Amino acid sequence: MVAHVAGRLAGHPAIGRVTIHAAHLPELQAACPGPALHWQQAASSIAASLAPMLADPATRYPLLVTTADNVLLSDAMIDHFV
């Protein structure tokens, strides 16, 4: 499921940077290789993982936050968001 979401986002022309927050980085990095993906160790919750990025003045908006189990994520959904 992670590979689907990561690949869909990384392959979309309107998406700039894909950052994946995960608890088990080595396993997921092996399953989802690619230079367009940026990996971060997950915090104790989604909110705790996102808080530093949201507080960083260098963060570019808008942000699309989704979970790795979003098997319905499609190019049409991303187009609608952006």
N, C-alpha and C. Protein backbone atom coordinates (compact mmCIF):
# COMPACT_ATOMS: atom_id res chain seq x y z
N MET A 1 0.82 -1.20 0.00
CA MET A 1 0.00 0.00 0.00
C MET A 1 0.86 1.26 0.00
N VAL A 2 1.95 1.23 0.74
CA VAL A 2 2.83 2.40 0.78
C VAL A 2 3.39 2.66 -0.62
N ALA A 3 3.76 1.61 -1.32
CA ALA A 3 4.32 1.78 -2.66
C ALA A 3 3.31 2.44 -3.59
N HIS A 4 2.04 2.10 -3.46
CA HIS A 4 1.01 2.71 -4.31
C HIS A 4 0.93 4.22 -4.06
N VAL A 5 0.80 4.59 -2.79
CA VAL A 5 0.66 6.01 -2.45
C VAL A 5 1.93 6.78 -2.80
N ALA A 6 3.09 6.23 -2.43
CA ALA A 6 4.35 6.91 -2.72
C ALA A 6 4.57 7.07 -4.22
N GLY A 7 4.31 6.01 -4.97
CA GLY A 7 4.48 6.07 -6.42
C GLY A 7 3.52 7.03 -7.09
N ARG A 8 2.28 7.04 -6.63
CA ARG A 8 1.27 7.94 -7.20
C ARG A 8 1.66 9.39 -6.97
N LEU A 9 2.08 9.72 -5.76
CA LEU A 9 2.46 11.10 -5.45
C LEU A 9 3.75 11.49 -6.16
N ALA A 10 4.76 10.64 -6.10
CA ALA A 10 6.06 10.95 -6.72
C ALA A 10 5.95 11.07 -8.23
N GLY A 11 5.01 10.36 -8.83
CA GLY A 11 4.86 10.39 -10.28
C GLY A 11 3.96 11.49 -10.80
N HIS A 12 3.32 12.23 -9.93
CA HIS A 12 2.38 13.27 -10.38
C HIS A 12 3.14 14.57 -10.66
N PRO A 13 2.90 15.19 -11.81
CA PRO A 13 3.68 16.39 -12.19
C PRO A 13 3.46 17.60 -11.29
N ALA A 14 2.36 17.65 -10.55
CA ALA A 14 2.09 18.82 -9.71
C ALA A 14 2.66 18.67 -8.30
N ILE A 15 3.19 17.53 -7.98
CA ILE A 15 3.72 17.28 -6.64
C ILE A 15 5.22 17.51 -6.63
N GLY A 16 5.67 18.34 -5.70
CA GLY A 16 7.09 18.67 -5.64
C GLY A 16 7.90 17.71 -4.80
N ARG A 17 7.57 17.59 -3.56
CA ARG A 17 8.37 16.78 -2.62
C ARG A 17 7.44 15.81 -1.91
N VAL A 18 7.87 14.57 -1.83
CA VAL A 18 7.11 13.54 -1.11
C VAL A 18 7.94 13.12 0.09
N THR A 19 7.41 13.38 1.27
CA THR A 19 8.07 12.99 2.52
C THR A 19 7.22 11.92 3.17
N ILE A 20 7.86 10.82 3.51
CA ILE A 20 7.17 9.71 4.14
C ILE A 20 7.67 9.58 5.57
N HIS A 21 6.74 9.65 6.51
CA HIS A 21 7.05 9.45 7.92
C HIS A 21 6.66 8.01 8.24
N ALA A 22 7.60 7.23 8.72
CA ALA A 22 7.34 5.82 8.98
C ALA A 22 8.13 5.32 10.17
N ALA A 23 7.57 4.31 10.83
CA ALA A 23 8.22 3.72 12.00
C ALA A 23 9.31 2.73 11.59
N HIS A 24 9.10 2.04 10.50
CA HIS A 24 10.03 0.99 10.06
C HIS A 24 10.70 1.40 8.75
N LEU A 25 11.58 2.37 8.82
CA LEU A 25 12.18 2.95 7.62
C LEU A 25 12.92 1.97 6.73
N PRO A 26 13.82 1.13 7.23
CA PRO A 26 14.59 0.27 6.32
C PRO A 26 13.71 -0.62 5.45
N GLU A 27 12.69 -1.21 6.04
CA GLU A 27 11.82 -2.10 5.27
C GLU A 27 11.07 -1.33 4.18
N LEU A 28 10.55 -0.17 4.53
CA LEU A 28 9.79 0.61 3.55
C LEU A 28 10.68 1.22 2.48
N GLN A 29 11.86 1.66 2.86
CA GLN A 29 12.79 2.21 1.87
C GLN A 29 13.17 1.14 0.85
N ALA A 30 13.32 -0.08 1.29
CA ALA A 30 13.65 -1.17 0.37
C ALA A 30 12.48 -1.47 -0.56
N ALA A 31 11.26 -1.35 -0.04
CA ALA A 31 10.07 -1.65 -0.84
C ALA A 31 9.68 -0.51 -1.77
N CYS A 32 10.13 0.70 -1.46
CA CYS A 32 9.74 1.89 -2.22
C CYS A 32 10.98 2.71 -2.57
N PRO A 33 11.86 2.19 -3.40
CA PRO A 33 13.06 2.97 -3.73
C PRO A 33 12.73 4.13 -4.65
N GLY A 34 13.56 5.12 -4.64
CA GLY A 34 13.38 6.22 -5.58
C GLY A 34 13.94 7.51 -5.04
N PRO A 35 14.58 8.28 -5.89
CA PRO A 35 15.20 9.54 -5.46
C PRO A 35 14.18 10.61 -5.11
N ALA A 36 12.94 10.47 -5.56
CA ALA A 36 11.93 11.50 -5.29
C ALA A 36 11.32 11.38 -3.90
N LEU A 37 11.66 10.33 -3.18
CA LEU A 37 11.07 10.11 -1.86
C LEU A 37 12.03 10.52 -0.77
N HIS A 38 11.51 11.24 0.22
CA HIS A 38 12.29 11.68 1.37
C HIS A 38 11.69 11.00 2.60
N TRP A 39 12.55 10.45 3.42
CA TRP A 39 12.11 9.62 4.54
C TRP A 39 12.40 10.29 5.88
N GLN A 40 11.46 10.17 6.80
CA GLN A 40 11.62 10.68 8.16
C GLN A 40 11.13 9.62 9.14
N GLN A 41 11.82 9.51 10.25
CA GLN A 41 11.36 8.61 11.30
C GLN A 41 10.06 9.16 11.88
N ALA A 42 9.05 8.33 11.98
CA ALA A 42 7.76 8.76 12.51
C ALA A 42 7.87 9.05 14.00
N ALA A 43 7.08 9.99 14.46
CA ALA A 43 6.97 10.29 15.89
C ALA A 43 5.85 9.43 16.47
N SER A 44 5.41 9.76 17.64
CA SER A 44 4.41 8.93 18.34
C SER A 44 3.01 9.03 17.73
N SER A 45 2.76 10.03 16.91
CA SER A 45 1.45 10.20 16.27
C SER A 45 1.63 10.97 14.97
N ILE A 46 0.59 11.00 14.15
CA ILE A 46 0.66 11.77 12.90
C ILE A 46 0.87 13.25 13.22
N ALA A 47 0.14 13.75 14.21
CA ALA A 47 0.28 15.16 14.58
C ALA A 47 1.70 15.48 15.04
N ALA A 48 2.26 14.59 15.85
CA ALA A 48 3.63 14.82 16.34
C ALA A 48 4.65 14.73 15.20
N SER A 49 4.38 13.91 14.21
CA SER A 49 5.27 13.81 13.05
C SER A 49 5.22 15.08 12.21
N LEU A 50 4.04 15.64 12.08
CA LEU A 50 3.87 16.81 11.21
C LEU A 50 4.24 18.13 11.88
N ALA A 51 4.18 18.20 13.20
CA ALA A 51 4.39 19.47 13.91
C ALA A 51 5.70 20.18 13.53
N PRO A 52 6.85 19.49 13.49
CA PRO A 52 8.08 20.20 13.12
C PRO A 52 8.03 20.76 11.69
N MET A 53 7.44 20.02 10.77
CA MET A 53 7.34 20.49 9.39
C MET A 53 6.43 21.71 9.31
N LEU A 54 5.33 21.69 10.04
CA LEU A 54 4.39 22.81 10.01
C LEU A 54 4.99 24.07 10.66
N ALA A 55 5.87 23.88 11.61
CA ALA A 55 6.51 25.03 12.28
C ALA A 55 7.70 25.58 11.51
N ASP A 56 8.19 24.84 10.53
CA ASP A 56 9.37 25.25 9.77
C ASP A 56 8.99 26.30 8.73
N PRO A 57 9.57 27.50 8.78
CA PRO A 57 9.23 28.53 7.80
C PRO A 57 9.61 28.17 6.37
N ALA A 58 10.47 27.18 6.19
CA ALA A 58 10.87 26.77 4.84
C ALA A 58 9.86 25.82 4.19
N THR A 59 8.88 25.36 4.95
CA THR A 59 7.87 24.44 4.39
C THR A 59 7.05 25.16 3.34
N ARG A 60 6.90 24.49 2.19
CA ARG A 60 6.12 25.05 1.09
C ARG A 60 4.70 24.50 1.15
N TYR A 61 3.73 25.36 0.93
CA TYR A 61 2.32 24.98 0.96
C TYR A 61 1.74 25.07 -0.42
N PRO A 62 0.67 24.37 -0.72
CA PRO A 62 -0.14 23.55 0.18
C PRO A 62 0.51 22.20 0.46
N LEU A 63 0.06 21.56 1.54
CA LEU A 63 0.50 20.22 1.88
C LEU A 63 -0.67 19.26 1.70
N LEU A 64 -0.38 18.13 1.15
CA LEU A 64 -1.36 17.06 1.06
C LEU A 64 -0.88 15.98 2.01
N VAL A 65 -1.65 15.73 3.05
CA VAL A 65 -1.31 14.70 4.03
C VAL A 65 -2.29 13.56 3.84
N THR A 66 -1.74 12.38 3.64
CA THR A 66 -2.57 11.19 3.47
C THR A 66 -1.92 10.03 4.19
N THR A 67 -2.67 9.00 4.41
CA THR A 67 -2.12 7.81 5.05
C THR A 67 -1.68 6.82 3.98
N ALA A 68 -0.80 5.93 4.35
CA ALA A 68 -0.24 4.97 3.40
C ALA A 68 -1.27 3.94 2.94
N ASP A 69 -2.36 3.83 3.64
CA ASP A 69 -3.38 2.85 3.24
C ASP A 69 -4.45 3.46 2.33
N ASN A 70 -4.16 4.59 1.73
CA ASN A 70 -5.10 5.27 0.84
C ASN A 70 -5.01 4.66 -0.56
N VAL A 71 -5.58 3.46 -0.71
CA VAL A 71 -5.50 2.77 -2.00
C VAL A 71 -6.36 3.43 -3.07
N LEU A 72 -7.22 4.35 -2.67
CA LEU A 72 -8.07 5.04 -3.64
C LEU A 72 -7.42 6.30 -4.20
N LEU A 73 -6.23 6.66 -3.71
CA LEU A 73 -5.55 7.86 -4.20
C LEU A 73 -5.29 7.73 -5.70
N SER A 74 -5.73 8.73 -6.44
CA SER A 74 -5.59 8.69 -7.91
C SER A 74 -5.09 10.04 -8.40
N ASP A 75 -4.67 10.07 -9.65
CA ASP A 75 -4.25 11.34 -10.26
C ASP A 75 -5.39 12.35 -10.25
N ALA A 76 -6.62 11.88 -10.48
CA ALA A 76 -7.78 12.79 -10.47
C ALA A 76 -7.97 13.43 -9.10
N MET A 77 -7.76 12.65 -8.03
CA MET A 77 -7.89 13.21 -6.68
C MET A 77 -6.80 14.25 -6.43
N ILE A 78 -5.59 13.96 -6.86
CA ILE A 78 -4.50 14.93 -6.67
C ILE A 78 -4.76 16.17 -7.50
N ASP A 79 -5.22 16.00 -8.73
CA ASP A 79 -5.55 17.16 -9.58
C ASP A 79 -6.59 18.05 -8.90
N HIS A 80 -7.59 17.45 -8.31
CA HIS A 80 -8.64 18.21 -7.64
C HIS A 80 -8.08 19.00 -6.45
N PHE A 81 -7.13 18.37 -5.72
CA PHE A 81 -6.53 19.05 -4.57
C PHE A 81 -5.68 20.24 -4.99
N VAL A 82 -4.84 20.04 -6.00
CA VAL A 82 -3.93 21.11 -6.39
C VAL A 82 -4.62 22.07 -7.34
